[in-house]
Amino acid sequence: MPLLDRTLLGSGPSNPYPEATQALAAPLLGHLDPDFLGILDETCDRLRTVWGTANRRTLPLSGTGSIGMEAAFANTVAPGAVVVVAVHAETSTGAVSDIAALAAAVHERDPEALVLATATAAAPTTTRHRWP
C-alpha cells in the first residue's frame, strides 16, 4: 500500500521539515565514534557559553526531565548514605526510588515540615505561613 505525500494541518502529528527527514535518513554515529566525540565536545563548549561557565564538567544529558536529578543522585549519594527527600506530588516518588536503588537510607518528608524545621532551627522566633 503506497503512502501518499500529505500536508497535515491538524494539531499533530504534523509534517516534519524536509531537513529533519533527511537527517533521520543519515547513517548513525556510535557514541565512541571520533566524529560523535567531536560533536559532543563542541556541544559542551556551546553549553558553557550559553550558561556563562568555565566548568569543564558541563555535559548535555539525553533523557527525560528528571535525568539531571538522577545523574546528580548517582554521582553524589554513597551506599548507606542518609538522604532526606522533600516529597511533593508524583514527581518526588521517582527521586525516592532512584535514591533507594543506590542503597541509601531515604527519609521522606513533607516539604512544609522541612521548611518549618529549617526556620525553627535557624530562628526559633520566626513564624512560617502555610504554602499556598
Protein backbone atom coordinates (compact mmCIF):
# COMPACT_ATOMS: atom_id res chain seq x y z
CA MET A 1 0.00 0.00 0.00
CA PRO A 2 1.71 3.20 -1.12
CA LEU A 3 1.72 6.18 1.22
CA LEU A 4 0.82 9.49 -0.34
CA ASP A 5 2.59 12.72 0.48
CA ARG A 6 0.09 14.72 2.51
CA THR A 7 0.03 18.12 4.12
CA LEU A 8 -1.06 17.67 7.73
CA LEU A 9 -2.59 20.84 9.16
CA GLY A 10 -4.13 19.50 12.37
CA SER A 11 -2.90 19.82 15.92
CA GLY A 12 -0.47 16.97 15.33
CA PRO A 13 1.25 14.98 14.16
CA SER A 14 2.43 17.42 11.54
CA ASN A 15 4.77 17.28 8.58
CA PRO A 16 8.44 17.45 9.59
CA TYR A 17 10.78 19.86 7.87
CA PRO A 18 12.49 18.16 4.90
CA GLU A 19 15.86 18.73 6.61
CA ALA A 20 14.65 16.72 9.62
CA THR A 21 13.53 13.82 7.41
CA GLN A 22 16.86 13.95 5.58
CA ALA A 23 18.77 13.90 8.88
CA LEU A 24 16.79 10.86 10.08
CA ALA A 25 17.85 9.01 6.92
CA ALA A 26 21.57 9.71 7.52
CA PRO A 27 23.87 6.99 8.90
CA LEU A 28 24.06 6.89 12.69
CA LEU A 29 27.15 7.71 14.71
CA GLY A 30 28.09 5.47 17.61
CA HIS A 31 28.84 7.01 21.00
CA LEU A 32 32.53 6.11 20.64
CA ASP A 33 32.90 7.37 17.07
CA PRO A 34 35.54 10.14 16.87
CA ASP A 35 33.12 12.31 14.88
CA PHE A 36 30.50 11.94 17.62
CA LEU A 37 33.03 12.85 20.30
CA GLY A 38 33.94 15.96 18.32
CA ILE A 39 30.27 16.98 18.12
CA LEU A 40 29.90 16.32 21.86
CA ASP A 41 32.94 18.49 22.66
CA GLU A 42 31.56 21.32 20.52
CA THR A 43 28.13 21.00 22.16
CA CYS A 44 29.73 21.17 25.62
CA ASP A 45 31.66 24.29 24.61
CA ARG A 46 28.47 25.93 23.37
CA LEU A 47 26.59 25.00 26.57
CA ARG A 48 29.35 26.58 28.66
CA THR A 49 28.97 29.76 26.59
CA VAL A 50 25.17 29.78 26.99
CA TRP A 51 25.35 29.19 30.75
CA GLY A 52 28.32 31.52 31.25
CA THR A 53 30.53 28.95 32.95
CA ALA A 54 34.03 27.60 32.53
CA ASN A 55 33.15 24.35 34.31
CA ARG A 56 34.71 21.52 32.27
CA ARG A 57 32.10 19.09 33.62
CA THR A 58 29.30 20.77 31.66
CA LEU A 59 27.63 17.95 29.77
CA PRO A 60 24.35 17.55 27.88
CA LEU A 61 22.27 14.64 29.13
CA SER A 62 19.84 12.89 26.84
CA GLY A 63 16.76 11.74 28.70
CA THR A 64 13.58 12.81 30.40
CA GLY A 65 13.27 15.94 32.51
CA SER A 66 14.42 14.13 35.64
CA ILE A 67 17.64 12.72 34.15
CA GLY A 68 19.74 15.56 35.59
CA MET A 69 18.41 14.89 39.06
CA GLU A 70 19.04 11.16 38.67
CA ALA A 71 22.61 11.80 37.48
CA ALA A 72 23.22 14.07 40.47
CA PHE A 73 22.00 11.36 42.85
CA ALA A 74 24.06 8.67 41.16
CA ASN A 75 27.21 10.75 41.45
CA THR A 76 26.79 12.15 44.97
CA VAL A 77 24.85 9.61 47.07
CA ALA A 78 27.12 6.95 48.52
CA PRO A 79 25.85 3.50 49.50
CA GLY A 80 24.49 3.67 53.02
CA ALA A 81 24.15 7.46 52.96
CA VAL A 82 21.19 9.08 54.68
CA VAL A 83 19.15 11.34 52.38
CA VAL A 84 16.14 13.49 53.22
CA VAL A 85 13.76 13.99 50.28
CA ALA A 86 11.02 16.61 50.28
CA VAL A 87 8.15 14.59 48.81
CA HIS A 88 5.69 16.74 46.91
CA ALA A 89 3.32 15.18 44.41
CA GLU A 90 4.17 12.43 41.97
CA THR A 91 7.49 13.88 40.77
CA SER A 92 9.17 13.16 44.10
CA THR A 93 8.43 9.44 44.07
CA GLY A 94 10.93 8.97 41.26
CA ALA A 95 13.60 10.66 43.34
CA VAL A 96 12.82 8.41 46.29
CA SER A 97 13.06 5.25 44.18
CA ASP A 98 16.28 6.47 42.48
CA ILE A 99 17.93 7.09 45.85
CA ALA A 100 16.63 3.82 47.30
CA ALA A 101 18.19 1.98 44.33
CA LEU A 102 21.56 3.42 45.39
CA ALA A 103 21.23 1.55 48.72
CA ALA A 104 20.88 4.76 50.70
CA ALA A 105 18.59 5.31 53.66
CA VAL A 106 15.76 7.51 52.42
CA HIS A 107 13.66 9.64 54.74
CA GLU A 108 10.58 11.07 53.05
CA ARG A 109 9.32 14.36 54.49
CA ASP A 110 6.58 16.82 53.67
CA PRO A 111 8.17 19.99 52.17
CA GLU A 112 6.18 22.14 54.57
CA ALA A 113 7.60 20.28 57.56
CA LEU A 114 11.14 20.75 56.22
CA VAL A 115 10.64 24.49 55.83
CA LEU A 116 9.24 24.74 59.35
CA ALA A 117 12.07 22.65 60.79
CA THR A 118 14.69 24.75 58.99
CA ALA A 119 13.06 28.00 60.09
CA THR A 120 12.84 26.78 63.67
CA ALA A 121 16.50 25.73 63.70
CA ALA A 122 17.68 28.98 62.10
CA ALA A 123 15.48 31.42 64.02
CA PRO A 124 13.21 29.93 66.68
CA THR A 125 11.07 33.07 66.85
CA THR A 126 10.31 33.12 63.10
CA THR A 127 6.80 32.06 62.09
CA ARG A 128 6.31 30.47 58.70
CA HIS A 129 2.97 30.57 56.96
CA ARG A 130 1.43 27.65 55.11
CA TRP A 131 2.45 27.36 51.46
CA PRO A 132 -0.26 28.33 49.01
